[in-house]
Amino acid sequence: MVEAHRYLVALLLMAGGARGADLAYWVEPCTRAETGCQPADPDLAGWAMEAWQAAGGGSLTLRRAAEMGGARIRIHW
C-alpha cells in the first residue's frame, strides 16, 4: 500500500512539472455492490487526496470535480 502511495504522489508531481500540479479528481459513487466498495469509500478517497496534497508541500493542488469529464484523475471501484 505504501508503494502505491509513493507511485501516485510521484505521478501527480510529474504531471505538474517543476511549477507544481493543479489537478482535478473525480470519485465514482459507491453504487455497484459487485465492486465491493463501501458507502464511505468515496469520502476516504477524498481524504486520501487531501493527504497527498498536504504531503506535496505546496507543489500539488488537488480539487474534487463534480463530473468525471472534468477530472484528470478518476477513481473507479
Protein backbone atom coordinates (compact mmCIF):
# COMPACT_ATOMS: atom_id res chain seq x y z
CA MET A 1 0.00 0.00 0.00
CA VAL A 2 2.81 2.43 0.85
CA GLU A 3 4.43 1.74 -2.52
CA ALA A 4 1.16 2.59 -4.27
CA HIS A 5 1.01 5.91 -2.41
CA ARG A 6 4.58 6.76 -3.41
CA TYR A 7 3.82 5.90 -7.01
CA LEU A 8 0.71 8.10 -7.07
CA VAL A 9 2.47 11.06 -5.46
CA ALA A 10 5.35 10.76 -7.94
CA LEU A 11 2.90 10.52 -10.84
CA LEU A 12 0.95 13.56 -9.68
CA LEU A 13 4.09 15.63 -9.21
CA MET A 14 5.36 14.67 -12.67
CA ALA A 15 2.04 15.70 -14.18
CA GLY A 16 2.57 19.22 -12.90
CA GLY A 17 6.23 19.54 -13.79
CA ALA A 18 8.53 21.91 -11.93
CA ARG A 19 5.80 24.51 -11.43
CA GLY A 20 3.60 22.15 -9.43
CA ALA A 21 0.42 20.34 -10.27
CA ASP A 22 -3.13 21.67 -10.17
CA LEU A 23 -5.31 18.68 -10.87
CA ALA A 24 -8.99 17.87 -10.61
CA TYR A 25 -10.07 14.44 -9.41
CA TRP A 26 -13.38 12.61 -9.57
CA VAL A 27 -14.52 9.72 -7.38
CA GLU A 28 -17.10 7.24 -8.63
CA PRO A 29 -20.03 6.98 -6.22
CA CYS A 30 -20.30 3.63 -4.46
CA THR A 31 -23.47 2.42 -6.14
CA ARG A 32 -22.49 -1.01 -7.52
CA ALA A 33 -22.39 -3.65 -4.78
CA GLU A 34 -20.46 -6.06 -7.04
CA THR A 35 -17.38 -3.81 -6.83
CA GLY A 36 -17.04 -4.45 -3.11
CA CYS A 37 -16.89 -0.75 -2.28
CA GLN A 38 -18.34 0.50 0.99
CA PRO A 39 -20.64 3.56 1.27
CA ALA A 40 -17.90 5.65 2.93
CA ASP A 41 -15.23 4.79 0.33
CA PRO A 42 -15.75 7.96 -1.74
CA ASP A 43 -15.13 10.03 1.40
CA LEU A 44 -11.99 8.01 2.13
CA ALA A 45 -10.76 8.68 -1.41
CA GLY A 46 -11.28 12.42 -0.86
CA TRP A 47 -9.37 12.29 2.41
CA ALA A 48 -6.54 10.44 0.67
CA MET A 49 -6.35 13.18 -1.95
CA GLU A 50 -6.22 15.80 0.82
CA ALA A 51 -3.39 13.87 2.50
CA TRP A 52 -1.44 13.60 -0.78
CA GLN A 53 -1.89 17.32 -1.35
CA ALA A 54 -0.56 18.04 2.15
CA ALA A 55 2.37 15.67 1.58
CA GLY A 56 3.23 17.59 -1.59
CA GLY A 57 4.37 20.55 0.48
CA GLY A 58 2.55 23.11 -1.65
CA SER A 59 3.64 21.68 -5.01
CA LEU A 60 0.36 19.84 -5.51
CA THR A 61 -3.19 21.16 -5.63
CA LEU A 62 -5.99 18.61 -5.91
CA ARG A 63 -9.61 19.66 -6.25
CA ARG A 64 -12.68 17.48 -6.50
CA ALA A 65 -14.55 17.68 -9.80
CA ALA A 66 -18.32 17.36 -9.90
CA GLU A 67 -18.22 15.45 -13.20
CA MET A 68 -15.89 12.71 -14.42
CA GLY A 69 -15.20 14.54 -17.69
CA GLY A 70 -13.68 17.48 -15.83
CA ALA A 71 -11.10 15.38 -13.96
CA ARG A 72 -7.62 14.22 -14.92
CA ILE A 73 -7.63 11.73 -12.03
CA ARG A 74 -10.56 9.32 -11.98
CA ILE A 75 -11.11 6.84 -9.16
CA HIS A 76 -13.32 3.89 -10.01
CA TRP A 77 -14.37 0.97 -7.82
